[in-house]
C-alpha atoms as a PDB file:
ATOM      1  CA  MET A   1       0.060   0.307  -0.069  1.00  0.00           C
ATOM      2  CA  SER A   2       1.400   3.399  -0.962  1.00  0.00           C
ATOM      3  CA  LYS A   3       1.600   5.738   2.050  1.00  0.00           C
ATOM      4  CA  THR A   4      -1.198   8.971   1.711  1.00  0.00           C
ATOM      5  CA  ILE A   5       0.935  12.226   0.790  1.00  0.00           C
ATOM      6  CA  TRP A   6       0.184  14.949   2.975  1.00  0.00           C
ATOM      7  CA  PRO A   7       0.237  18.673   1.774  1.00  0.00           C
ATOM      8  CA  LEU A   8       2.347  20.114   4.237  1.00  0.00           C
ATOM      9  CA  SER A   9       3.621  23.262   4.766  1.00  0.00           C
ATOM     10  CA  ASP A  10       5.423  22.653   7.909  1.00  0.00           C
ATOM     11  CA  GLN A  11       6.171  19.999  10.431  1.00  0.00           C
ATOM     12  CA  GLY A  12       8.312  19.446  13.304  1.00  0.00           C
ATOM     13  CA  TYR A  13       7.946  18.422  16.971  1.00  0.00           C
ATOM     14  CA  ALA A  14       6.757  19.962  20.038  1.00  0.00           C
ATOM     15  CA  ASP A  15       8.044  18.829  23.649  1.00  0.00           C
ATOM     16  CA  VAL A  16       5.348  17.725  26.416  1.00  0.00           C
ATOM     17  CA  PRO A  17       4.928  16.410  29.254  1.00  0.00           C
ATOM     18  CA  GLY A  18       6.368  12.734  28.959  1.00  0.00           C
ATOM     19  CA  GLY A  19       8.508  13.376  25.717  1.00  0.00           C
ATOM     20  CA  ARG A  20       7.673  15.318  22.087  1.00  0.00           C
ATOM     21  CA  VAL A  21       4.868  14.678  20.264  1.00  0.00           C
ATOM     22  CA  TRP A  22       4.355  15.741  16.091  1.00  0.00           C
ATOM     23  CA  TYR A  23       2.786  17.966  14.261  1.00  0.00           C
ATOM     24  CA  GLY A  24       1.835  18.787  11.068  1.00  0.00           C
ATOM     25  CA  VAL A  25       0.391  21.631   9.216  1.00  0.00           C
ATOM     26  CA  VAL A  26      -1.582  22.331   6.331  1.00  0.00           C
ATOM     27  CA  GLY A  27      -1.792  25.841   5.112  1.00  0.00           C
ATOM     28  CA  ASP A  28      -0.434  28.692   5.782  1.00  0.00           C
ATOM     29  CA  LEU A  29      -0.286  29.924   9.283  1.00  0.00           C
ATOM     30  CA  LYS A  30       1.447  32.834   8.739  1.00  0.00           C
ATOM     31  CA  LYS A  31      -0.674  34.515   6.392  1.00  0.00           C
ATOM     32  CA  ALA A  32      -3.715  32.943   7.547  1.00  0.00           C
ATOM     33  CA  ARG A  33      -7.006  35.108   6.441  1.00  0.00           C
ATOM     34  CA  ALA A  34      -9.335  33.120   8.977  1.00  0.00           C
ATOM     35  CA  THR A  35      -9.028  31.414  12.780  1.00  0.00           C
ATOM     36  CA  PRO A  36      -6.874  27.951  11.870  1.00  0.00           C
ATOM     37  CA  LEU A  37      -7.882  24.633  12.892  1.00  0.00           C
ATOM     38  CA  LEU A  38      -6.311  21.638  15.551  1.00  0.00           C
ATOM     39  CA  VAL A  39      -7.602  18.556  15.033  1.00  0.00           C
ATOM     40  CA  VAL A  40      -7.424  15.749  17.601  1.00  0.00           C
ATOM     41  CA  HIS A  41      -7.332  12.592  16.655  1.00  0.00           C
ATOM     42  CA  GLY A  42      -9.230   9.393  17.991  1.00  0.00           C
ATOM     43  CA  GLY A  43      -7.703   6.327  20.098  1.00  0.00           C
ATOM     44  CA  PRO A  44      -6.928   5.914  22.175  1.00  0.00           C
ATOM     45  CA  GLY A  45      -3.298   5.390  20.286  1.00  0.00           C
ATOM     46  CA  MET A  46      -4.322   6.218  16.739  1.00  0.00           C
ATOM     47  CA  SER A  47      -2.571   8.279  14.249  1.00  0.00           C
ATOM     48  CA  HIS A  48      -3.641  11.514  12.291  1.00  0.00           C
ATOM     49  CA  ASP A  49      -3.613   9.335   9.228  1.00  0.00           C
ATOM     50  CA  TYR A  50      -7.017   8.715   9.180  1.00  0.00           C
ATOM     51  CA  LEU A  51      -8.284  12.375   9.026  1.00  0.00           C
ATOM     52  CA  TYR A  52      -7.069  12.958   5.762  1.00  0.00           C
ATOM     53  CA  PRO A  53     -10.075  14.428   4.255  1.00  0.00           C
ATOM     54  CA  LEU A  54      -9.681  17.373   6.841  1.00  0.00           C
ATOM     55  CA  THR A  55      -7.481  18.758   4.617  1.00  0.00           C
ATOM     56  CA  ASP A  56     -10.183  19.560   2.405  1.00  0.00           C
ATOM     57  CA  ILE A  57     -10.984  22.989   5.205  1.00  0.00           C
ATOM     58  CA  VAL A  58      -7.476  24.247   3.841  1.00  0.00           C
ATOM     59  CA  ALA A  59      -9.312  25.679   0.986  1.00  0.00           C
ATOM     60  CA  ASP A  60     -10.703  28.187   3.898  1.00  0.00           C
ATOM     61  CA  ARG A  61      -8.061  28.159   6.522  1.00  0.00           C
ATOM     62  CA  PRO A  62      -4.892  26.433   7.682  1.00  0.00           C
ATOM     63  CA  VAL A  63      -5.205  23.101  10.119  1.00  0.00           C
ATOM     64  CA  ILE A  64      -2.997  21.731  12.316  1.00  0.00           C
ATOM     65  CA  PHE A  65      -3.134  18.073  12.598  1.00  0.00           C
ATOM     66  CA  TYR A  66      -0.933  16.217  15.787  1.00  0.00           C
ATOM     67  CA  ASP A  67      -0.459  12.881  16.795  1.00  0.00           C
ATOM     68  CA  GLN A  68      -0.617  12.337  20.672  1.00  0.00           C
ATOM     69  CA  LEU A  69       2.256  11.525  22.840  1.00  0.00           C
ATOM     70  CA  ASP A  70       2.177   7.906  22.314  1.00  0.00           C
ATOM     71  CA  ALA A  71       0.849   7.724  18.763  1.00  0.00           C
ATOM     72  CA  GLY A  72       1.485   7.633  15.531  1.00  0.00           C
ATOM     73  CA  LEU A  73       4.729   9.889  14.930  1.00  0.00           C
ATOM     74  CA  SER A  74       5.203  11.196  18.137  1.00  0.00           C
ATOM     75  CA  ASP A  75       7.311   9.361  20.626  1.00  0.00           C
ATOM     76  CA  ARG A  76       6.382   6.152  22.471  1.00  0.00           C
ATOM     77  CA  PRO A  77       7.579   5.856  26.284  1.00  0.00           C
ATOM     78  CA  ASN A  78       4.212   3.904  26.660  1.00  0.00           C
ATOM     79  CA  ASP A  79       4.507   4.360  30.437  1.00  0.00           C
ATOM     80  CA  PRO A  80       0.612   4.126  31.605  1.00  0.00           C
ATOM     81  CA  VAL A  81       0.986   7.578  34.059  1.00  0.00           C
ATOM     82  CA  ASN A  82       0.783   9.249  31.216  1.00  0.00           C
ATOM     83  CA  TRP A  83      -2.439   7.878  30.445  1.00  0.00           C
ATOM     84  CA  THR A  84      -4.902  10.220  31.476  1.00  0.00           C
ATOM     85  CA  VAL A  85      -7.170  12.872  30.339  1.00  0.00           C
ATOM     86  CA  PRO A  86      -6.106  15.521  31.724  1.00  0.00           C
ATOM     87  CA  ARG A  87      -2.519  14.950  30.445  1.00  0.00           C
ATOM     88  CA  PHE A  88      -3.439  14.604  26.718  1.00  0.00           C
ATOM     89  CA  VAL A  89      -5.019  18.266  27.245  1.00  0.00           C
ATOM     90  CA  ALA A  90      -2.080  19.768  28.358  1.00  0.00           C
ATOM     91  CA  GLU A  91      -0.467  18.939  24.933  1.00  0.00           C
ATOM     92  CA  ILE A  92      -2.745  21.704  23.424  1.00  0.00           C
ATOM     93  CA  ASP A  93      -1.730  24.545  25.355  1.00  0.00           C
ATOM     94  CA  THR A  94       1.788  23.239  24.689  1.00  0.00           C
ATOM     95  CA  LEU A  95       1.061  23.324  20.457  1.00  0.00           C
ATOM     96  CA  ARG A  96      -0.469  26.416  21.043  1.00  0.00           C
ATOM     97  CA  ASP A  97       2.347  27.889  22.315  1.00  0.00           C
ATOM     98  CA  ALA A  98       4.870  26.041  19.971  1.00  0.00           C
ATOM     99  CA  LEU A  99       2.918  26.941  16.790  1.00  0.00           C
ATOM    100  CA  ASP A 100       1.703  30.820  18.241  1.00  0.00           C
ATOM    101  CA  LEU A 101      -1.785  30.634  17.961  1.00  0.00           C
ATOM    102  CA  PRO A 102      -3.409  32.968  20.332  1.00  0.00           C
ATOM    103  CA  VAL A 103      -6.681  31.892  18.718  1.00  0.00           C
ATOM    104  CA  LEU A 104      -7.907  28.568  16.941  1.00  0.00           C
ATOM    105  CA  SER A 105     -11.006  26.527  16.692  1.00  0.00           C
ATOM    106  CA  ILE A 106     -10.612  22.367  17.442  1.00  0.00           C
ATOM    107  CA  PHE A 107     -11.812  19.515  15.987  1.00  0.00           C
ATOM    108  CA  GLY A 108     -11.718  16.351  18.148  1.00  0.00           C
ATOM    109  CA  ASN A 109     -12.716  12.943  16.783  1.00  0.00           C
ATOM    110  CA  SER A 110     -13.913  10.072  19.159  1.00  0.00           C
ATOM    111  CA  TRP A 111     -11.113  10.046  21.745  1.00  0.00           C
ATOM    112  CA  GLY A 112     -10.144  13.332  20.823  1.00  0.00           C
ATOM    113  CA  GLY A 113     -13.727  14.616  21.231  1.00  0.00           C
ATOM    114  CA  THR A 114     -12.949  13.788  24.922  1.00  0.00           C
ATOM    115  CA  VAL A 115      -9.740  15.451  24.963  1.00  0.00           C
ATOM    116  CA  ALA A 116     -11.000  18.492  23.111  1.00  0.00           C
ATOM    117  CA  ALA A 117     -14.423  18.966  24.928  1.00  0.00           C
ATOM    118  CA  ALA A 118     -12.570  18.779  28.156  1.00  0.00           C
ATOM    119  CA  TYR A 119      -9.888  21.404  27.261  1.00  0.00           C
ATOM    120  CA  ALA A 120     -13.030  23.596  25.920  1.00  0.00           C
ATOM    121  CA  ALA A 121     -14.524  23.602  29.392  1.00  0.00           C
ATOM    122  CA  ALA A 122     -11.808  24.817  31.122  1.00  0.00           C
ATOM    123  CA  CYS A 123     -13.215  28.262  29.091  1.00  0.00           C
ATOM    124  CA  PRO A 124      -9.248  28.698  27.665  1.00  0.00           C
ATOM    125  CA  ALA A 125      -8.513  32.270  26.281  1.00  0.00           C
ATOM    126  CA  GLY A 126      -8.891  32.583  22.577  1.00  0.00           C
ATOM    127  CA  LEU A 127     -10.753  29.497  21.662  1.00  0.00           C
ATOM    128  CA  ASP A 128     -13.043  30.476  18.825  1.00  0.00           C
ATOM    129  CA  ARG A 129     -15.139  27.483  17.856  1.00  0.00           C
ATOM    130  CA  LEU A 130     -15.551  23.753  18.253  1.00  0.00           C
ATOM    131  CA  ILE A 131     -16.613  20.705  16.682  1.00  0.00           C
ATOM    132  CA  LEU A 132     -17.324  17.616  18.759  1.00  0.00           C
ATOM    133  CA  SER A 133     -17.093  14.757  15.938  1.00  0.00           C
ATOM    134  CA  SER A 134     -18.736  11.761  17.609  1.00  0.00           C
ATOM    135  CA  PRO A 135     -17.223  12.195  21.066  1.00  0.00           C
ATOM    136  CA  LEU A 136     -16.389   9.579  24.061  1.00  0.00           C
ATOM    137  CA  ILE A 137     -18.049  11.867  26.737  1.00  0.00           C
ATOM    138  CA  ASP A 138     -19.444   9.030  28.834  1.00  0.00           C
ATOM    139  CA  THR A 139     -18.364   5.708  28.596  1.00  0.00           C
ATOM    140  CA  LYS A 140     -20.688   4.089  30.117  1.00  0.00           C
ATOM    141  CA  ARG A 141     -23.747   5.374  28.364  1.00  0.00           C
ATOM    142  CA  TRP A 142     -21.189   4.578  24.971  1.00  0.00           C
ATOM    143  CA  VAL A 143     -20.867   0.683  26.679  1.00  0.00           C
ATOM    144  CA  THR A 144     -24.465   0.613  26.243  1.00  0.00           C
ATOM    145  CA  ASP A 145     -25.269   2.069  23.509  1.00  0.00           C
ATOM    146  CA  ASN A 146     -22.863  -0.341  21.900  1.00  0.00           C
ATOM    147  CA  SER A 147     -23.482  -3.581  23.196  1.00  0.00           C
ATOM    148  CA  ALA A 148     -26.940  -3.130  21.779  1.00  0.00           C
ATOM    149  CA  TYR A 149     -25.109  -2.565  19.123  1.00  0.00           C
ATOM    150  CA  ARG A 150     -23.282  -6.299  19.125  1.00  0.00           C
ATOM    151  CA  ALA A 151     -26.668  -7.468  19.857  1.00  0.00           C
ATOM    152  CA  ALA A 152     -27.917  -6.881  16.586  1.00  0.00           C
ATOM    153  CA  LEU A 153     -25.385  -8.703  15.012  1.00  0.00           C
ATOM    154  CA  PRO A 154     -26.129 -11.257  12.885  1.00  0.00           C
ATOM    155  CA  ASP A 155     -26.248 -14.528  15.607  1.00  0.00           C
ATOM    156  CA  GLU A 156     -23.415 -16.368  14.417  1.00  0.00           C
ATOM    157  CA  VAL A 157     -20.895 -13.440  15.018  1.00  0.00           C
ATOM    158  CA  VAL A 158     -22.203 -12.768  18.587  1.00  0.00           C
ATOM    159  CA  ALA A 159     -21.993 -16.650  19.026  1.00  0.00           C
ATOM    160  CA  ILE A 160     -18.123 -16.967  18.256  1.00  0.00           C
ATOM    161  CA  MET A 161     -17.831 -13.313  19.994  1.00  0.00           C
ATOM    162  CA  ASP A 162     -19.369 -14.936  23.406  1.00  0.00           C
ATOM    163  CA  ARG A 163     -17.301 -17.909  22.631  1.00  0.00           C
ATOM    164  CA  CYS A 164     -14.264 -15.879  22.473  1.00  0.00           C
ATOM    165  CA  GLU A 165     -15.014 -13.900  25.136  1.00  0.00           C
ATOM    166  CA  ALA A 166     -15.861 -16.740  27.509  1.00  0.00           C
ATOM    167  CA  SER A 167     -12.774 -18.371  26.565  1.00  0.00           C
ATOM    168  CA  GLY A 168     -10.496 -15.871  26.568  1.00  0.00           C
ATOM    169  CA  GLU A 169      -9.642 -16.008  22.691  1.00  0.00           C
ATOM    170  CA  THR A 170     -10.105 -12.746  21.954  1.00  0.00           C
ATOM    171  CA  GLY A 171      -6.771 -12.598  19.813  1.00  0.00           C
ATOM    172  CA  SER A 172      -7.831 -15.074  17.470  1.00  0.00           C
ATOM    173  CA  LYS A 173      -8.662 -14.474  13.534  1.00  0.00           C
ATOM    174  CA  ALA A 174     -12.153 -15.933  14.515  1.00  0.00           C
ATOM    175  CA  TYR A 175     -12.689 -13.295  17.238  1.00  0.00           C
ATOM    176  CA  GLU A 176     -10.817 -10.748  14.829  1.00  0.00           C
ATOM    177  CA  ASP A 177     -13.255 -11.353  11.673  1.00  0.00           C
ATOM    178  CA  ALA A 178     -16.483 -10.596  14.162  1.00  0.00           C
ATOM    179  CA  VAL A 179     -15.358  -7.643  15.709  1.00  0.00           C
ATOM    180  CA  ASP A 180     -14.548  -6.466  11.873  1.00  0.00           C
ATOM    181  CA  VAL A 181     -18.374  -6.990  11.159  1.00  0.00           C
ATOM    182  CA  PHE A 182     -19.165  -4.468  13.958  1.00  0.00           C
ATOM    183  CA  ASN A 183     -16.386  -2.221  12.888  1.00  0.00           C
ATOM    184  CA  ARG A 184     -17.759  -2.421   9.372  1.00  0.00           C
ATOM    185  CA  ARG A 185     -21.290  -1.083  10.604  1.00  0.00           C
ATOM    186  CA  HIS A 186     -20.418   1.005  13.293  1.00  0.00           C
ATOM    187  CA  LEU A 187     -16.977   2.681  12.561  1.00  0.00           C
ATOM    188  CA  CYS A 188     -16.746   2.573   8.761  1.00  0.00           C
ATOM    189  CA  ARG A 189     -19.140   1.603   6.441  1.00  0.00           C
ATOM    190  CA  VAL A 190     -16.923   2.292   3.173  1.00  0.00           C
ATOM    191  CA  ASP A 191     -15.702  -0.713   1.395  1.00  0.00           C
ATOM    192  CA  PRO A 192     -12.882  -1.002   1.017  1.00  0.00           C
ATOM    193  CA  TRP A 193     -11.635   1.125   3.457  1.00  0.00           C
ATOM    194  CA  PRO A 194      -9.359   3.820   1.870  1.00  0.00           C
ATOM    195  CA  GLY A 195      -5.479   3.483   2.559  1.00  0.00           C
ATOM    196  CA  TYR A 196      -5.564   6.495   4.603  1.00  0.00           C
ATOM    197  CA  VAL A 197      -7.911   4.971   7.149  1.00  0.00           C
ATOM    198  CA  MET A 198      -5.758   1.384   7.643  1.00  0.00           C
ATOM    199  CA  GLU A 199      -2.418   3.234   7.465  1.00  0.00           C
ATOM    200  CA  THR A 200      -4.011   4.434  11.157  1.00  0.00           C
ATOM    201  CA  PHE A 201      -4.451   0.575  12.232  1.00  0.00           C
ATOM    202  CA  GLU A 202      -1.542  -0.343  11.287  1.00  0.00           C
ATOM    203  CA  VAL A 203       0.700   2.309  13.560  1.00  0.00           C
ATOM    204  CA  LEU A 204      -1.747   1.757  16.047  1.00  0.00           C
ATOM    205  CA  ASN A 205      -0.432   1.618  19.517  1.00  0.00           C
ATOM    206  CA  GLY A 206      -1.965  -1.662  20.937  1.00  0.00           C
ATOM    207  CA  ASP A 207      -0.816  -1.214  24.444  1.00  0.00           C
ATOM    208  CA  CYS A 208      -2.454   2.487  24.851  1.00  0.00           C
ATOM    209  CA  TYR A 209      -5.684   1.579  23.469  1.00  0.00           C
ATOM    210  CA  ALA A 210      -5.728  -1.496  25.636  1.00  0.00           C
ATOM    211  CA  GLY A 211      -4.486   0.584  28.670  1.00  0.00           C
ATOM    212  CA  MET A 212      -6.805   3.243  28.493  1.00  0.00           C
ATOM    213  CA  TRP A 213     -10.080   1.753  26.574  1.00  0.00           C
ATOM    214  CA  GLY A 214     -10.032  -1.621  25.956  1.00  0.00           C
ATOM    215  CA  PRO A 215     -10.065  -4.984  23.481  1.00  0.00           C
ATOM    216  CA  ASN A 216     -12.438  -3.070  21.039  1.00  0.00           C
ATOM    217  CA  GLU A 217     -14.600  -0.725  20.172  1.00  0.00           C
ATOM    218  CA  PHE A 218     -17.711  -1.879  22.161  1.00  0.00           C
ATOM    219  CA  THR A 219     -15.929  -3.006  25.480  1.00  0.00           C
ATOM    220  CA  CYS A 220     -13.822  -1.033  28.343  1.00  0.00           C
ATOM    221  CA  THR A 221     -11.321  -2.417  30.708  1.00  0.00           C
ATOM    222  CA  GLY A 222      -9.342   0.761  30.376  1.00  0.00           C
ATOM    223  CA  VAL A 223      -8.270   3.524  32.495  1.00  0.00           C
ATOM    224  CA  LEU A 224     -11.367   5.544  31.305  1.00  0.00           C
ATOM    225  CA  GLY A 225     -14.136   2.912  32.582  1.00  0.00           C
ATOM    226  CA  ASP A 226     -15.645   5.717  34.752  1.00  0.00           C
ATOM    227  CA  TYR A 227     -15.185   8.073  32.494  1.00  0.00           C
ATOM    228  CA  ASP A 228     -18.030  11.110  32.246  1.00  0.00           C
ATOM    229  CA  ALA A 229     -17.860  14.253  31.237  1.00  0.00           C
ATOM    230  CA  SER A 230     -21.434  15.185  30.403  1.00  0.00           C
ATOM    231  CA  GLY A 231     -21.714  17.286  33.736  1.00  0.00           C
ATOM    232  CA  ASP A 232     -19.014  19.597  32.404  1.00  0.00           C
ATOM    233  CA  LEU A 233     -20.341  20.134  28.747  1.00  0.00           C
ATOM    234  CA  ALA A 234     -22.328  22.871  30.230  1.00  0.00           C
ATOM    235  CA  SER A 235     -19.289  25.071  30.789  1.00  0.00           C
ATOM    236  CA  ILE A 236     -18.344  25.421  27.143  1.00  0.00           C
ATOM    237  CA  SER A 237     -18.879  28.826  26.209  1.00  0.00           C
ATOM    238  CA  VAL A 238     -18.266  28.654  22.654  1.00  0.00           C
ATOM    239  CA  PRO A 239     -20.175  27.829  19.368  1.00  0.00           C
ATOM    240  CA  THR A 240     -19.769  24.097  19.220  1.00  0.00           C
ATOM    241  CA  LEU A 241     -20.832  21.816  16.728  1.00  0.00           C
ATOM    242  CA  ILE A 242     -21.534  17.690  17.818  1.00  0.00           C
ATOM    243  CA  THR A 243     -22.038  15.694  14.413  1.00  0.00           C
ATOM    244  CA  CYS A 244     -22.351  12.067  14.098  1.00  0.00           C
ATOM    245  CA  GLY A 245     -22.839   8.889  11.857  1.00  0.00           C
ATOM    246  CA  GLU A 246     -26.796   7.912  11.391  1.00  0.00           C
ATOM    247  CA  PHE A 247     -25.039   4.249  12.636  1.00  0.00           C
ATOM    248  CA  ASP A 248     -22.631   5.856  14.576  1.00  0.00           C
ATOM    249  CA  GLU A 249     -20.409   4.033  17.869  1.00  0.00           C
ATOM    250  CA  ALA A 250     -21.590   7.741  19.595  1.00  0.00           C
ATOM    251  CA  THR A 251     -25.264   7.142  18.952  1.00  0.00           C
ATOM    252  CA  PRO A 252     -27.345   9.988  17.202  1.00  0.00           C
ATOM    253  CA  THR A 253     -29.579   9.930  20.298  1.00  0.00           C
ATOM    254  CA  SER A 254     -26.501  10.370  22.926  1.00  0.00           C
ATOM    255  CA  CYS A 255     -24.836  12.872  20.667  1.00  0.00           C
ATOM    256  CA  ARG A 256     -28.409  15.056  20.263  1.00  0.00           C
ATOM    257  CA  ALA A 257     -28.317  14.924  24.204  1.00  0.00           C
ATOM    258  CA  PHE A 258     -24.572  15.806  24.652  1.00  0.00           C
ATOM    259  CA  SER A 259     -25.754  18.761  21.934  1.00  0.00           C
ATOM    260  CA  GLU A 260     -28.572  19.915  24.421  1.00  0.00           C
ATOM    261  CA  MET A 261     -26.133  20.198  27.646  1.00  0.00           C
ATOM    262  CA  ILE A 262     -23.713  22.643  25.966  1.00  0.00           C
ATOM    263  CA  PRO A 263     -25.392  26.012  25.634  1.00  0.00           C
ATOM    264  CA  ASP A 264     -24.585  27.265  21.913  1.00  0.00           C
ATOM    265  CA  ALA A 265     -24.520  23.842  20.329  1.00  0.00           C
ATOM    266  CA  LYS A 266     -25.548  22.475  16.855  1.00  0.00           C
ATOM    267  CA  PHE A 267     -26.455  18.596  16.029  1.00  0.00           C
ATOM    268  CA  VAL A 268     -26.243  17.408  12.528  1.00  0.00           C
ATOM    269  CA  ALA A 269     -26.094  13.647  12.135  1.00  0.00           C
ATOM    270  CA  PHE A 270     -24.990  11.931   8.859  1.00  0.00           C
ATOM    271  CA  LYS A 271     -27.292   9.647   6.803  1.00  0.00           C
ATOM    272  CA  GLY A 272     -25.840   6.676   6.028  1.00  0.00           C
ATOM    273  CA  ALA A 273     -22.599   7.388   7.549  1.00  0.00           C
ATOM    274  CA  SER A 274     -21.303   5.757  11.236  1.00  0.00           C
ATOM    275  CA  HIS A 275     -18.397   6.834  13.267  1.00  0.00           C
ATOM    276  CA  LEU A 276     -15.947   8.219  10.298  1.00  0.00           C
ATOM    277  CA  ALA A 277     -18.680  10.501   8.800  1.00  0.00           C
ATOM    278  CA  PHE A 278     -15.678  12.638   7.434  1.00  0.00           C
ATOM    279  CA  VAL A 279     -14.938   9.942   5.685  1.00  0.00           C
ATOM    280  CA  GLU A 280     -17.944   8.397   4.620  1.00  0.00           C
ATOM    281  CA  ASP A 281     -19.697  11.338   3.399  1.00  0.00           C
ATOM    282  CA  ARG A 282     -16.580  14.002   2.771  1.00  0.00           C
ATOM    283  CA  GLU A 283     -17.920  16.242   0.689  1.00  0.00           C
ATOM    284  CA  ASN A 284     -21.174  16.837   2.471  1.00  0.00           C
ATOM    285  CA  TYR A 285     -18.874  16.898   5.970  1.00  0.00           C
ATOM    286  CA  SER A 286     -16.416  19.034   4.945  1.00  0.00           C
ATOM    287  CA  ALA A 287     -19.145  21.239   3.606  1.00  0.00           C
ATOM    288  CA  THR A 288     -20.870  21.429   6.901  1.00  0.00           C
ATOM    289  CA  ALA A 289     -17.431  21.716   9.022  1.00  0.00           C
ATOM    290  CA  ARG A 290     -16.789  24.751   6.710  1.00  0.00           C
ATOM    291  CA  ARG A 291     -20.114  26.730   7.142  1.00  0.00           C
ATOM    292  CA  PHE A 292     -19.841  26.249  10.742  1.00  0.00           C
ATOM    293  CA  LEU A 293     -16.413  27.378  10.823  1.00  0.00           C
ATOM    294  CA  SER A 294     -16.924  30.278   9.119  1.00  0.00           C
ATOM    295  CA  GLY A 295     -19.755  31.232  11.183  1.00  0.00           C
END
């Protein structure tokens, strides 16, 4: 598979608590006529690669991508002491300082939405707008929603999952194939998955993902097991857009409910899409995001 070529105008590393994180800029920060957008990837332990469609937004403004510590091109100390929400949130201010971003908007997808929402709830100076794409806000609600999705899979798939989970064979090909059925319904419905999506999974830090989340998208056994930031959403004071797909792991019902907890929020669900709506309905998603960011 050929590596996706990114149109980066600048890239480098910034020192954060625990190590260095890689960043890449698409567009010109020095000549920007509109507020730059910082993109926070999901995971935990994934990379920026799958977010390639957001380069479409560069028509309006520069976009900054980065890999969190223990992910992608960033340092991988793989020390569980670093795997806390506050430490990942702190990376944003470090990047703002390194790139001189007195004003910015933020996009966060999935776990990246966790980080972005926590950052916004602290009411930082200079935050213009916020996009929460299929965010993880309440782990118990997420697991409940996705347990229902799991139960609705074909009987033979559920039987394989049950058998492998009972016998401790969750690393088997049979179990992975069963999980793939779930993923292709609720994670990304494009067939085949684009190369830039596959590239993210090829470099996934499984230790970080398992330590913070768990073995798959519908089971949480990691440190995020009791996470619930729904009570903090009312503190987000900037205009916010929450998006999800019709068949999303972050379900439309939950995402709509979260949007109603934020004083100035809009909610959009993309028909026929799932967790990666910006991949599955790229043109429509990009247009929606650009309109929102332009006010």
